[in-house]
C-alpha atoms as a PDB file:
ATOM      1  CA  MET A   1     313.361  19.297 125.053  1.00  0.00           C
ATOM      2  CA  ARG A   2     311.596  20.298 121.771  1.00  0.00           C
ATOM      3  CA  THR A   3     307.990  19.028 123.359  1.00  0.00           C
ATOM      4  CA  GLN A   4     308.830  20.763 126.859  1.00  0.00           C
ATOM      5  CA  VAL A   5     309.534  24.229 124.775  1.00  0.00           C
ATOM      6  CA  LYS A   6     306.395  23.702 122.685  1.00  0.00           C
ATOM      7  CA  ALA A   7     304.308  23.163 125.782  1.00  0.00           C
ATOM      8  CA  LEU A   8     305.890  26.037 127.612  1.00  0.00           C
ATOM      9  CA  LEU A   9     304.990  28.332 124.311  1.00  0.00           C
ATOM     10  CA  THR A  10     301.544  26.724 124.022  1.00  0.00           C
ATOM     11  CA  GLY A  11     300.983  27.804 128.011  1.00  0.00           C
ATOM     12  CA  ILE A  12     302.199  31.200 127.599  1.00  0.00           C
ATOM     13  CA  LEU A  13     300.219  31.784 124.392  1.00  0.00           C
ATOM     14  CA  LEU A  14     296.856  30.363 126.475  1.00  0.00           C
ATOM     15  CA  VAL A  15     297.602  32.752 129.273  1.00  0.00           C
ATOM     16  CA  THR A  16     298.152  35.593 126.829  1.00  0.00           C
ATOM     17  CA  SER A  17     294.854  34.511 125.349  1.00  0.00           C
ATOM     18  CA  MET A  18     293.046  34.369 128.226  1.00  0.00           C
ATOM     19  CA  ALA A  19     294.450  37.651 129.710  1.00  0.00           C
ATOM     20  CA  THR A  20     293.265  39.306 126.546  1.00  0.00           C
ATOM     21  CA  ALA A  21     289.826  37.937 126.756  1.00  0.00           C
ATOM     22  CA  VAL A  22     289.632  39.012 130.319  1.00  0.00           C
ATOM     23  CA  GLN A  23     290.818  42.664 129.437  1.00  0.00           C
ATOM     24  CA  ALA A  24     288.213  42.688 126.229  1.00  0.00           C
ATOM     25  CA  ALA A  25     285.319  41.576 128.805  1.00  0.00           C
ATOM     26  CA  GLU A  26     286.421  44.485 130.910  1.00  0.00           C
ATOM     27  CA  LYS A  27     286.624  47.382 128.676  1.00  0.00           C
ATOM     28  CA  VAL A  28     283.204  47.937 126.785  1.00  0.00           C
ATOM     29  CA  VAL A  29     281.844  50.384 124.388  1.00  0.00           C
ATOM     30  CA  ILE A  30     278.412  51.853 125.436  1.00  0.00           C
ATOM     31  CA  ALA A  31     276.667  53.575 121.989  1.00  0.00           C
ATOM     32  CA  HIS A  32     275.277  56.582 123.884  1.00  0.00           C
ATOM     33  CA  ARG A  33     271.724  57.392 122.125  1.00  0.00           C
ATOM     34  CA  GLY A  34     273.046  54.944 119.472  1.00  0.00           C
ATOM     35  CA  ALA A  35     275.744  56.063 116.867  1.00  0.00           C
ATOM     36  CA  SER A  36     274.098  59.514 117.591  1.00  0.00           C
ATOM     37  CA  GLY A  37     277.263  61.244 116.117  1.00  0.00           C
ATOM     38  CA  TYR A  38     276.082  59.909 112.855  1.00  0.00           C
ATOM     39  CA  LEU A  39     272.387  59.653 112.857  1.00  0.00           C
ATOM     40  CA  PRO A  40     269.517  61.456 115.059  1.00  0.00           C
ATOM     41  CA  GLU A  41     269.942  60.146 118.738  1.00  0.00           C
ATOM     42  CA  HIS A  42     267.902  57.074 119.732  1.00  0.00           C
ATOM     43  CA  THR A  43     266.214  56.548 116.341  1.00  0.00           C
ATOM     44  CA  LEU A  44     266.458  52.730 115.345  1.00  0.00           C
ATOM     45  CA  PRO A  45     268.750  53.470 112.555  1.00  0.00           C
ATOM     46  CA  ALA A  46     271.303  55.118 114.887  1.00  0.00           C
ATOM     47  CA  LYS A  47     270.776  51.817 117.085  1.00  0.00           C
ATOM     48  CA  SER A  48     271.262  49.577 113.946  1.00  0.00           C
ATOM     49  CA  MET A  49     274.155  51.775 113.225  1.00  0.00           C
ATOM     50  CA  ALA A  50     275.645  51.198 116.561  1.00  0.00           C
ATOM     51  CA  TYR A  51     275.065  47.474 116.601  1.00  0.00           C
ATOM     52  CA  ALA A  52     277.089  47.346 113.236  1.00  0.00           C
ATOM     53  CA  MET A  53     280.005  49.167 114.536  1.00  0.00           C
ATOM     54  CA  GLY A  54     280.575  46.848 117.203  1.00  0.00           C
ATOM     55  CA  ALA A  55     279.167  48.410 120.416  1.00  0.00           C
ATOM     56  CA  ASP A  56     278.836  46.103 123.374  1.00  0.00           C
ATOM     57  CA  TYR A  57     275.783  47.834 124.695  1.00  0.00           C
ATOM     58  CA  LEU A  58     273.104  50.238 123.111  1.00  0.00           C
ATOM     59  CA  GLU A  59     271.901  52.799 125.527  1.00  0.00           C
ATOM     60  CA  GLN A  60     267.844  53.593 126.017  1.00  0.00           C
ATOM     61  CA  ASP A  61     266.774  56.554 127.808  1.00  0.00           C
ATOM     62  CA  VAL A  62     262.923  55.722 128.891  1.00  0.00           C
ATOM     63  CA  VAL A  63     260.101  58.043 129.389  1.00  0.00           C
ATOM     64  CA  MET A  64     256.401  57.532 130.013  1.00  0.00           C
ATOM     65  CA  THR A  65     253.302  58.569 127.716  1.00  0.00           C
ATOM     66  CA  LYS A  66     250.280  59.907 128.650  1.00  0.00           C
ATOM     67  CA  ASP A  67     248.648  56.328 128.005  1.00  0.00           C
ATOM     68  CA  ASP A  68     251.169  54.520 130.293  1.00  0.00           C
ATOM     69  CA  LYS A  69     253.466  53.342 127.074  1.00  0.00           C
ATOM     70  CA  LEU A  70     257.405  53.321 127.542  1.00  0.00           C
ATOM     71  CA  ILE A  71     259.218  55.215 124.762  1.00  0.00           C
ATOM     72  CA  VAL A  72     262.954  55.738 123.841  1.00  0.00           C
ATOM     73  CA  LEU A  73     263.485  59.843 124.441  1.00  0.00           C
ATOM     74  CA  HIS A  74     266.324  61.355 126.062  1.00  0.00           C
ATOM     75  CA  ASP A  75     264.227  64.035 127.955  1.00  0.00           C
ATOM     76  CA  HIS A  76     260.770  63.602 129.457  1.00  0.00           C
ATOM     77  CA  TYR A  77     259.761  66.593 126.939  1.00  0.00           C
ATOM     78  CA  LEU A  78     259.628  66.701 123.541  1.00  0.00           C
ATOM     79  CA  ASP A  79     260.502  70.054 122.227  1.00  0.00           C
ATOM     80  CA  ARG A  80     264.158  70.036 121.327  1.00  0.00           C
ATOM     81  CA  VAL A  81     264.133  67.143 118.714  1.00  0.00           C
ATOM     82  CA  THR A  82     260.485  66.954 117.268  1.00  0.00           C
ATOM     83  CA  ASP A  83     258.023  69.381 115.781  1.00  0.00           C
ATOM     84  CA  VAL A  84     255.934  69.176 118.715  1.00  0.00           C
ATOM     85  CA  ALA A  85     255.489  72.902 118.916  1.00  0.00           C
ATOM     86  CA  LYS A  86     254.354  73.088 115.295  1.00  0.00           C
ATOM     87  CA  LYS A  87     251.974  70.246 115.285  1.00  0.00           C
ATOM     88  CA  PHE A  88     250.444  70.918 118.782  1.00  0.00           C
ATOM     89  CA  PRO A  89     251.220  74.633 119.423  1.00  0.00           C
ATOM     90  CA  ASP A  90     248.738  74.907 122.405  1.00  0.00           C
ATOM     91  CA  ARG A  91     249.705  71.803 124.468  1.00  0.00           C
ATOM     92  CA  HIS A  92     252.798  73.114 126.145  1.00  0.00           C
ATOM     93  CA  ARG A  93     252.773  73.859 130.266  1.00  0.00           C
ATOM     94  CA  LYS A  94     253.295  77.045 131.784  1.00  0.00           C
ATOM     95  CA  ASP A  95     257.011  76.579 131.571  1.00  0.00           C
ATOM     96  CA  GLY A  96     256.808  76.466 127.745  1.00  0.00           C
ATOM     97  CA  ARG A  97     257.939  72.685 127.458  1.00  0.00           C
ATOM     98  CA  TYR A  98     255.823  69.855 125.819  1.00  0.00           C
ATOM     99  CA  TYR A  99     255.874  66.950 128.175  1.00  0.00           C
ATOM    100  CA  ALA A 100     255.703  63.375 126.900  1.00  0.00           C
ATOM    101  CA  LEU A 101     253.316  62.819 129.622  1.00  0.00           C
ATOM    102  CA  ASP A 102     250.711  64.811 128.079  1.00  0.00           C
ATOM    103  CA  PHE A 103     250.678  62.945 124.985  1.00  0.00           C
ATOM    104  CA  THR A 104     249.532  59.414 123.901  1.00  0.00           C
ATOM    105  CA  LEU A 105     251.806  57.159 121.974  1.00  0.00           C
ATOM    106  CA  ALA A 106     249.884  57.590 118.822  1.00  0.00           C
ATOM    107  CA  GLU A 107     250.399  61.426 119.103  1.00  0.00           C
ATOM    108  CA  ILE A 108     254.116  61.103 119.669  1.00  0.00           C
ATOM    109  CA  GLN A 109     254.672  58.721 116.924  1.00  0.00           C
ATOM    110  CA  SER A 110     252.816  61.480 114.652  1.00  0.00           C
ATOM    111  CA  LEU A 111     255.366  63.881 115.496  1.00  0.00           C
ATOM    112  CA  LYS A 112     258.812  64.115 112.916  1.00  0.00           C
ATOM    113  CA  PHE A 113     261.896  63.476 114.769  1.00  0.00           C
ATOM    114  CA  THR A 114     265.488  65.410 113.972  1.00  0.00           C
ATOM    115  CA  GLU A 115     268.765  66.139 115.220  1.00  0.00           C
ATOM    116  CA  GLU A 116     268.806  68.366 118.688  1.00  0.00           C
ATOM    117  CA  PHE A 117     268.228  71.951 118.154  1.00  0.00           C
ATOM    118  CA  LEU A 118     268.354  75.067 120.143  1.00  0.00           C
ATOM    119  CA  VAL A 119     265.790  78.085 119.478  1.00  0.00           C
ATOM    120  CA  LYS A 120     267.664  81.492 119.423  1.00  0.00           C
ATOM    121  CA  ASP A 121     265.572  84.591 118.871  1.00  0.00           C
ATOM    122  CA  GLY A 122     262.907  82.421 117.414  1.00  0.00           C
ATOM    123  CA  VAL A 123     265.268  80.355 114.953  1.00  0.00           C
ATOM    124  CA  GLN A 124     266.234  76.710 115.151  1.00  0.00           C
ATOM    125  CA  GLN A 125     269.930  76.285 115.658  1.00  0.00           C
ATOM    126  CA  GLN A 126     271.364  72.698 115.349  1.00  0.00           C
ATOM    127  CA  LYS A 127     273.453  71.835 118.444  1.00  0.00           C
ATOM    128  CA  PHE A 128     276.243  69.847 116.498  1.00  0.00           C
ATOM    129  CA  PRO A 129     276.095  71.352 113.106  1.00  0.00           C
ATOM    130  CA  ASN A 130     278.481  68.725 111.747  1.00  0.00           C
ATOM    131  CA  ARG A 131     276.178  65.677 112.482  1.00  0.00           C
ATOM    132  CA  PHE A 132     273.173  64.733 110.548  1.00  0.00           C
ATOM    133  CA  PRO A 133     271.217  67.769 109.092  1.00  0.00           C
ATOM    134  CA  MET A 134     268.224  68.973 110.773  1.00  0.00           C
ATOM    135  CA  TRP A 135     264.718  67.746 109.460  1.00  0.00           C
ATOM    136  CA  LYS A 136     266.195  65.545 106.693  1.00  0.00           C
ATOM    137  CA  SER A 137     264.646  61.854 105.986  1.00  0.00           C
ATOM    138  CA  ASP A 138     261.795  61.017 108.303  1.00  0.00           C
ATOM    139  CA  PHE A 139     262.696  59.662 111.717  1.00  0.00           C
ATOM    140  CA  ARG A 140     260.154  58.543 114.374  1.00  0.00           C
ATOM    141  CA  ILE A 141     260.156  57.826 118.316  1.00  0.00           C
ATOM    142  CA  HIS A 142     259.588  54.422 119.154  1.00  0.00           C
ATOM    143  CA  THR A 143     258.632  52.158 122.065  1.00  0.00           C
ATOM    144  CA  LEU A 144     261.137  50.269 124.482  1.00  0.00           C
ATOM    145  CA  GLN A 145     259.528  47.142 123.538  1.00  0.00           C
ATOM    146  CA  ASP A 146     260.289  47.743 119.314  1.00  0.00           C
ATOM    147  CA  GLU A 147     264.042  48.566 120.340  1.00  0.00           C
ATOM    148  CA  ILE A 148     264.524  45.324 122.652  1.00  0.00           C
ATOM    149  CA  GLU A 149     263.061  43.254 119.953  1.00  0.00           C
ATOM    150  CA  MET A 150     265.258  44.839 117.250  1.00  0.00           C
ATOM    151  CA  ILE A 151     268.368  44.207 119.288  1.00  0.00           C
ATOM    152  CA  GLN A 152     267.311  40.479 120.269  1.00  0.00           C
ATOM    153  CA  GLY A 153     266.363  39.939 116.546  1.00  0.00           C
ATOM    154  CA  MET A 154     269.889  41.035 115.499  1.00  0.00           C
ATOM    155  CA  ASN A 155     271.541  39.249 118.115  1.00  0.00           C
ATOM    156  CA  HIS A 156     269.904  36.044 116.725  1.00  0.00           C
ATOM    157  CA  SER A 157     270.507  36.768 113.200  1.00  0.00           C
ATOM    158  CA  THR A 158     274.225  37.550 113.848  1.00  0.00           C
ATOM    159  CA  GLY A 159     275.256  35.259 116.955  1.00  0.00           C
ATOM    160  CA  LYS A 160     276.548  38.203 118.769  1.00  0.00           C
ATOM    161  CA  ASN A 161     274.967  39.101 122.474  1.00  0.00           C
ATOM    162  CA  VAL A 162     274.794  42.913 122.342  1.00  0.00           C
ATOM    163  CA  GLY A 163     273.503  44.434 125.516  1.00  0.00           C
ATOM    164  CA  ILE A 164     270.738  47.156 126.388  1.00  0.00           C
ATOM    165  CA  TYR A 165     271.596  49.852 128.918  1.00  0.00           C
ATOM    166  CA  ILE A 166     268.604  51.665 130.030  1.00  0.00           C
ATOM    167  CA  GLU A 167     268.162  54.815 131.819  1.00  0.00           C
ATOM    168  CA  THR A 168     264.782  55.636 133.543  1.00  0.00           C
ATOM    169  CA  LYS A 169     264.577  59.395 132.764  1.00  0.00           C
ATOM    170  CA  ALA A 170     263.387  61.231 136.011  1.00  0.00           C
ATOM    171  CA  PRO A 171     261.402  58.650 138.061  1.00  0.00           C
ATOM    172  CA  TRP A 172     260.679  61.444 140.777  1.00  0.00           C
ATOM    173  CA  PHE A 173     258.730  63.496 138.057  1.00  0.00           C
ATOM    174  CA  HIS A 174     256.971  60.543 136.924  1.00  0.00           C
ATOM    175  CA  LYS A 175     255.879  59.935 140.828  1.00  0.00           C
ATOM    176  CA  THR A 176     254.681  63.639 141.170  1.00  0.00           C
ATOM    177  CA  GLU A 177     252.341  62.603 138.123  1.00  0.00           C
ATOM    178  CA  GLY A 178     251.350  59.485 139.394  1.00  0.00           C
ATOM    179  CA  LYS A 179     253.505  56.971 137.340  1.00  0.00           C
ATOM    180  CA  ASP A 180     255.772  54.358 138.434  1.00  0.00           C
ATOM    181  CA  ILE A 181     258.098  54.256 135.429  1.00  0.00           C
ATOM    182  CA  SER A 182     260.712  52.288 137.164  1.00  0.00           C
ATOM    183  CA  LYS A 183     258.401  49.394 137.976  1.00  0.00           C
ATOM    184  CA  ALA A 184     257.030  49.274 134.321  1.00  0.00           C
ATOM    185  CA  VAL A 185     260.541  48.979 132.822  1.00  0.00           C
ATOM    186  CA  LEU A 186     261.415  46.511 134.854  1.00  0.00           C
ATOM    187  CA  GLU A 187     258.354  44.726 133.821  1.00  0.00           C
ATOM    188  CA  VAL A 188     259.214  44.891 130.265  1.00  0.00           C
ATOM    189  CA  LEU A 189     262.844  43.557 131.111  1.00  0.00           C
ATOM    190  CA  LYS A 190     261.305  40.722 132.674  1.00  0.00           C
ATOM    191  CA  SER A 191     259.174  39.893 129.853  1.00  0.00           C
ATOM    192  CA  TYR A 192     261.915  39.973 127.398  1.00  0.00           C
ATOM    193  CA  GLY A 193     263.983  37.546 129.711  1.00  0.00           C
ATOM    194  CA  TYR A 194     266.512  40.162 131.402  1.00  0.00           C
ATOM    195  CA  THR A 195     266.186  38.906 135.101  1.00  0.00           C
ATOM    196  CA  LYS A 196     269.644  38.462 136.621  1.00  0.00           C
ATOM    197  CA  LYS A 197     273.169  40.081 136.694  1.00  0.00           C
ATOM    198  CA  SER A 198     274.530  37.762 134.152  1.00  0.00           C
ATOM    199  CA  ASP A 199     272.108  39.059 131.587  1.00  0.00           C
ATOM    200  CA  LYS A 200     273.301  41.860 129.229  1.00  0.00           C
ATOM    201  CA  VAL A 201     271.734  44.497 130.818  1.00  0.00           C
ATOM    202  CA  TYR A 202     272.295  47.524 132.816  1.00  0.00           C
ATOM    203  CA  LEU A 203     269.710  49.533 134.560  1.00  0.00           C
ATOM    204  CA  GLN A 204     271.074  53.169 135.241  1.00  0.00           C
ATOM    205  CA  SER A 205     269.559  56.540 136.796  1.00  0.00           C
ATOM    206  CA  PHE A 206     270.522  60.113 138.232  1.00  0.00           C
ATOM    207  CA  ASP A 207     267.622  59.519 140.841  1.00  0.00           C
ATOM    208  CA  ALA A 208     269.315  57.791 143.940  1.00  0.00           C
ATOM    209  CA  PRO A 209     266.417  57.136 146.229  1.00  0.00           C
ATOM    210  CA  ASP A 210     264.504  55.655 143.375  1.00  0.00           C
ATOM    211  CA  LEU A 211     267.497  53.348 142.397  1.00  0.00           C
ATOM    212  CA  GLN A 212     267.840  52.463 146.229  1.00  0.00           C
ATOM    213  CA  ARG A 213     263.851  51.711 146.008  1.00  0.00           C
ATOM    214  CA  VAL A 214     264.657  49.404 142.953  1.00  0.00           C
ATOM    215  CA  LYS A 215     267.254  47.311 144.822  1.00  0.00           C
ATOM    216  CA  LYS A 216     265.720  47.144 147.947  1.00  0.00           C
ATOM    217  CA  GLU A 217     261.792  46.802 147.037  1.00  0.00           C
ATOM    218  CA  LEU A 218     261.098  46.343 143.329  1.00  0.00           C
ATOM    219  CA  LEU A 219     263.769  43.661 142.244  1.00  0.00           C
ATOM    220  CA  PRO A 220     263.055  41.398 145.363  1.00  0.00           C
ATOM    221  CA  ALA A 221     259.425  41.541 144.725  1.00  0.00           C
ATOM    222  CA  MET A 222     259.912  40.914 140.883  1.00  0.00           C
ATOM    223  CA  ASN A 223     262.213  38.032 141.755  1.00  0.00           C
ATOM    224  CA  MET A 224     264.899  39.687 139.708  1.00  0.00           C
ATOM    225  CA  ASP A 225     268.438  40.743 140.142  1.00  0.00           C
ATOM    226  CA  ILE A 226     269.996  42.918 137.373  1.00  0.00           C
ATOM    227  CA  LYS A 227     272.911  45.148 137.503  1.00  0.00           C
ATOM    228  CA  LEU A 228     272.219  48.796 138.526  1.00  0.00           C
ATOM    229  CA  VAL A 229     274.495  51.813 137.764  1.00  0.00           C
ATOM    230  CA  GLN A 230     274.187  55.135 139.981  1.00  0.00           C
ATOM    231  CA  LEU A 231     274.727  58.246 137.377  1.00  0.00           C
ATOM    232  CA  ILE A 232     276.725  61.014 139.117  1.00  0.00           C
ATOM    233  CA  THR A 233     276.385  64.713 138.298  1.00  0.00           C
ATOM    234  CA  ASN A 234     277.588  67.881 139.677  1.00  0.00           C
ATOM    235  CA  THR A 235     274.987  69.187 142.032  1.00  0.00           C
ATOM    236  CA  ASP A 236     276.149  72.786 141.666  1.00  0.00           C
ATOM    237  CA  ASP A 237     276.560  72.970 137.971  1.00  0.00           C
ATOM    238  CA  GLN A 238     273.363  71.391 136.556  1.00  0.00           C
ATOM    239  CA  LYS A 239     271.939  73.011 133.198  1.00  0.00           C
ATOM    240  CA  VAL A 240     269.085  70.833 133.845  1.00  0.00           C
ATOM    241  CA  ILE A 241     268.054  69.478 137.529  1.00  0.00           C
ATOM    242  CA  GLU A 242     268.477  65.650 136.963  1.00  0.00           C
ATOM    243  CA  THR A 243     266.971  64.835 140.108  1.00  0.00           C
ATOM    244  CA  MET A 244     264.530  66.671 142.767  1.00  0.00           C
ATOM    245  CA  GLU A 245     264.184  65.102 145.987  1.00  0.00           C
ATOM    246  CA  ILE A 246     260.566  64.389 147.235  1.00  0.00           C
ATOM    247  CA  HIS A 247     260.124  65.281 150.650  1.00  0.00           C
ATOM    248  CA  PRO A 248     257.464  63.865 153.232  1.00  0.00           C
ATOM    249  CA  ASP A 249     255.248  67.252 152.801  1.00  0.00           C
ATOM    250  CA  GLY A 250     255.287  66.842 148.821  1.00  0.00           C
ATOM    251  CA  SER A 251     257.657  69.779 148.465  1.00  0.00           C
ATOM    252  CA  LEU A 252     260.795  69.315 146.010  1.00  0.00           C
ATOM    253  CA  THR A 253     264.298  70.435 146.074  1.00  0.00           C
ATOM    254  CA  PRO A 254     267.470  69.604 143.939  1.00  0.00           C
ATOM    255  CA  TYR A 255     268.914  66.333 145.345  1.00  0.00           C
ATOM    256  CA  SER A 256     272.671  66.785 146.129  1.00  0.00           C
ATOM    257  CA  TYR A 257     275.246  64.144 144.721  1.00  0.00           C
ATOM    258  CA  ASP A 258     278.020  65.602 146.715  1.00  0.00           C
ATOM    259  CA  TRP A 259     278.127  62.569 149.192  1.00  0.00           C
ATOM    260  CA  MET A 260     279.014  60.161 146.432  1.00  0.00           C
ATOM    261  CA  LEU A 261     282.245  61.861 145.676  1.00  0.00           C
ATOM    262  CA  LYS A 262     283.299  61.978 149.175  1.00  0.00           C
ATOM    263  CA  PRO A 263     285.826  59.874 150.992  1.00  0.00           C
ATOM    264  CA  GLY A 264     283.557  56.706 151.906  1.00  0.00           C
ATOM    265  CA  GLY A 265     280.951  57.547 149.290  1.00  0.00           C
ATOM    266  CA  ALA A 266     281.992  54.719 146.882  1.00  0.00           C
ATOM    267  CA  ALA A 267     281.215  52.108 149.744  1.00  0.00           C
ATOM    268  CA  LYS A 268     278.007  53.511 150.282  1.00  0.00           C
ATOM    269  CA  LEU A 269     276.958  53.495 146.488  1.00  0.00           C
ATOM    270  CA  ALA A 270     278.103  49.628 146.650  1.00  0.00           C
ATOM    271  CA  LYS A 271     275.516  48.850 148.819  1.00  0.00           C
ATOM    272  CA  TYR A 272     272.996  49.108 146.279  1.00  0.00           C
ATOM    273  CA  ALA A 273     274.785  49.509 142.734  1.00  0.00           C
ATOM    274  CA  ASP A 274     276.927  47.427 140.602  1.00  0.00           C
ATOM    275  CA  GLY A 275     278.504  50.600 138.806  1.00  0.00           C
ATOM    276  CA  ILE A 276     278.546  54.182 138.372  1.00  0.00           C
ATOM    277  CA  GLY A 277     278.246  56.636 135.561  1.00  0.00           C
ATOM    278  CA  PRO A 278     279.867  59.809 136.423  1.00  0.00           C
ATOM    279  CA  TRP A 279     280.575  62.802 134.172  1.00  0.00           C
ATOM    280  CA  TYR A 280     283.954  62.190 133.069  1.00  0.00           C
ATOM    281  CA  PRO A 281     285.478  65.528 134.713  1.00  0.00           C
ATOM    282  CA  MET A 282     285.085  63.819 137.777  1.00  0.00           C
ATOM    283  CA  ILE A 283     287.424  61.279 136.974  1.00  0.00           C
ATOM    284  CA  VAL A 284     290.469  63.444 135.463  1.00  0.00           C
ATOM    285  CA  LYS A 285     290.603  66.942 136.789  1.00  0.00           C
ATOM    286  CA  SER A 286     290.299  69.836 134.367  1.00  0.00           C
ATOM    287  CA  THR A 287     293.532  71.466 135.623  1.00  0.00           C
ATOM    288  CA  SER A 288     295.157  68.440 133.694  1.00  0.00           C
ATOM    289  CA  THR A 289     297.566  69.520 130.737  1.00  0.00           C
ATOM    290  CA  PRO A 290     299.015  67.469 127.952  1.00  0.00           C
ATOM    291  CA  GLY A 291     301.207  64.947 129.465  1.00  0.00           C
ATOM    292  CA  HIS A 292     300.576  65.864 133.078  1.00  0.00           C
ATOM    293  CA  ILE A 293     297.119  64.049 133.548  1.00  0.00           C
ATOM    294  CA  GLU A 294     295.765  64.501 137.057  1.00  0.00           C
ATOM    295  CA  LEU A 295     293.330  61.764 138.404  1.00  0.00           C
ATOM    296  CA  THR A 296     290.738  62.202 141.168  1.00  0.00           C
ATOM    297  CA  THR A 297     290.321  59.317 143.495  1.00  0.00           C
ATOM    298  CA  LEU A 298     286.662  58.357 142.130  1.00  0.00           C
ATOM    299  CA  ALA A 299     287.771  55.477 139.808  1.00  0.00           C
ATOM    300  CA  LYS A 300     290.300  53.829 142.126  1.00  0.00           C
ATOM    301  CA  GLU A 301     287.544  54.186 145.172  1.00  0.00           C
ATOM    302  CA  ALA A 302     284.896  52.867 143.098  1.00  0.00           C
ATOM    303  CA  LYS A 303     287.014  50.125 141.715  1.00  0.00           C
ATOM    304  CA  GLN A 304     288.108  49.065 145.095  1.00  0.00           C
ATOM    305  CA  GLN A 305     284.490  48.636 146.151  1.00  0.00           C
ATOM    306  CA  GLY A 306     284.007  46.170 142.750  1.00  0.00           C
ATOM    307  CA  LEU A 307     281.800  48.911 141.068  1.00  0.00           C
ATOM    308  CA  GLN A 308     282.029  49.227 137.304  1.00  0.00           C
ATOM    309  CA  VAL A 309     282.811  52.502 136.187  1.00  0.00           C
ATOM    310  CA  HIS A 310     281.519  54.033 132.713  1.00  0.00           C
ATOM    311  CA  PRO A 311     281.850  57.540 132.382  1.00  0.00           C
ATOM    312  CA  TYR A 312     279.824  60.068 130.127  1.00  0.00           C
ATOM    313  CA  THR A 313     279.975  61.402 127.387  1.00  0.00           C
ATOM    314  CA  PHE A 314     282.788  61.011 124.855  1.00  0.00           C
ATOM    315  CA  ARG A 315     282.252  63.210 121.786  1.00  0.00           C
ATOM    316  CA  SER A 316     284.839  63.647 118.869  1.00  0.00           C
ATOM    317  CA  ASP A 317     282.925  66.827 117.736  1.00  0.00           C
ATOM    318  CA  PRO A 318     284.782  69.983 117.379  1.00  0.00           C
ATOM    319  CA  GLY A 319     285.445  71.639 120.928  1.00  0.00           C
ATOM    320  CA  GLN A 320     284.301  68.524 122.788  1.00  0.00           C
ATOM    321  CA  VAL A 321     287.744  66.891 123.464  1.00  0.00           C
ATOM    322  CA  PRO A 322     289.116  68.220 126.593  1.00  0.00           C
ATOM    323  CA  PRO A 323     292.197  70.638 126.337  1.00  0.00           C
ATOM    324  CA  TYR A 324     294.469  68.006 128.275  1.00  0.00           C
ATOM    325  CA  ALA A 325     294.106  65.468 125.209  1.00  0.00           C
ATOM    326  CA  LYS A 326     295.794  65.533 121.906  1.00  0.00           C
ATOM    327  CA  ASP A 327     292.689  64.323 120.213  1.00  0.00           C
ATOM    328  CA  PHE A 328     290.011  61.719 120.478  1.00  0.00           C
ATOM    329  CA  ASN A 329     292.052  58.417 120.909  1.00  0.00           C
ATOM    330  CA  ASP A 330     294.348  60.361 123.302  1.00  0.00           C
ATOM    331  CA  MET A 331     291.137  61.287 125.526  1.00  0.00           C
ATOM    332  CA  LEU A 332     290.245  57.439 125.105  1.00  0.00           C
ATOM    333  CA  LYS A 333     293.666  56.408 126.203  1.00  0.00           C
ATOM    334  CA  ILE A 334     293.600  58.617 129.121  1.00  0.00           C
ATOM    335  CA  PHE A 335     290.085  57.020 130.466  1.00  0.00           C
ATOM    336  CA  TYR A 336     290.644  53.619 129.193  1.00  0.00           C
ATOM    337  CA  ILE A 337     294.071  52.855 129.961  1.00  0.00           C
ATOM    338  CA  ASP A 338     295.415  55.446 132.598  1.00  0.00           C
ATOM    339  CA  ALA A 339     292.372  55.992 134.589  1.00  0.00           C
ATOM    340  CA  GLY A 340     291.328  52.499 134.066  1.00  0.00           C
ATOM    341  CA  VAL A 341     287.618  52.692 133.224  1.00  0.00           C
ATOM    342  CA  ASP A 342     285.784  49.754 132.568  1.00  0.00           C
ATOM    343  CA  GLY A 343     283.685  51.593 129.433  1.00  0.00           C
ATOM    344  CA  VAL A 344     282.516  54.941 128.133  1.00  0.00           C
ATOM    345  CA  PHE A 345     279.504  56.239 126.794  1.00  0.00           C
ATOM    346  CA  THR A 346     280.267  57.647 123.476  1.00  0.00           C
ATOM    347  CA  ASP A 347     278.072  58.909 120.320  1.00  0.00           C
ATOM    348  CA  PHE A 348     280.956  57.688 118.169  1.00  0.00           C
ATOM    349  CA  PRO A 349     281.258  54.059 119.032  1.00  0.00           C
ATOM    350  CA  ASP A 350     283.031  53.043 115.943  1.00  0.00           C
ATOM    351  CA  LYS A 351     286.101  55.357 117.118  1.00  0.00           C
ATOM    352  CA  ALA A 352     285.899  53.350 120.555  1.00  0.00           C
ATOM    353  CA  VAL A 353     285.515  50.015 119.458  1.00  0.00           C
ATOM    354  CA  LYS A 354     288.867  50.769 116.954  1.00  0.00           C
ATOM    355  CA  PHE A 355     290.932  52.398 119.703  1.00  0.00           C
ATOM    356  CA  LEU A 356     290.198  49.220 122.093  1.00  0.00           C
ATOM    357  CA  GLN A 357     290.953  46.618 119.345  1.00  0.00           C
ATOM    358  CA  GLN A 358     294.226  48.464 118.295  1.00  0.00           C
ATOM    359  CA  HIS A 359     295.331  47.935 121.974  1.00  0.00           C
ATOM    360  CA  GLN A 360     293.877  44.471 121.981  1.00  0.00           C
ATOM    361  CA  LEU A 361     291.505  45.699 124.360  1.00  0.00           C
ATOM    362  CA  HIS A 362     288.287  44.544 122.330  1.00  0.00           C
ATOM    363  CA  GLN A 363     287.372  41.620 120.187  1.00  0.00           C
END
């Protein structure tokens, strides 16, 4: 009898352990631009910090330079995080912006990099005042290859397998400038051994036509098959137009994401994507109140189609937690547990990792 009881308990523990392992594999933390809540976004120190905090993936936004180098930078312009306007005052375009495509890698790496700022009445104002102070220390922009080598190097020295999560920024814009950023990114990924779905890599984009091209043309031609994620934003509520649709006559119009949010949209997305990256209000309605959470059907329909769901962006700064959540941990609970998302993009990866560990959803 004791032997049977012992065997039964062992079986229960094994099943529980396996279930926990499955949950841990399903719930991931994506360091949004690194540990950007603590250090300037997309800098190598911010990525190293996020790695040490236990993030499962580190995000890289990628744009191209004038000399066809791939750099890690959130926007395809330089003026909100560098001193480009001071160092190269006459190099802006008609819209007043300083585009990375107009500068060589050497010129870009000569710039000082800092926390994101806005300019009001000629005065720089830090977007998130409680974060790392503007213009302190010395941060620089690096290449995609630099970051991949650092992550792979830390994976080697620590025995971990932290993944990379790349966003190609504005492929449509690069195309109008005669550059194919998606092909260039895939060539780099292949050179570093990221070629199949089982590899720890995601490639994401807001540019649906280009992501479909990646799936149908570029990946087969390069003998690759990596995981793709369609980013989604509100068509009518874009502070910055994420994607312009290029028409046969060369004209440009804002791309509409509306079809992705309608019934049947998830099934269409699943034809070319492995996951979706929606703005988090697309999953939990803004009309929700504490204790009365209203979910949209987006996450449920996406998961029914086998899609991963990775909403953005989770921030614990003052004013960044939605009013229906009591605090940042409650926000994480609402999305990870109540809505059942698979992962979140967060500027504070340590807090998301700690939350998941407390709920036995992360190793």
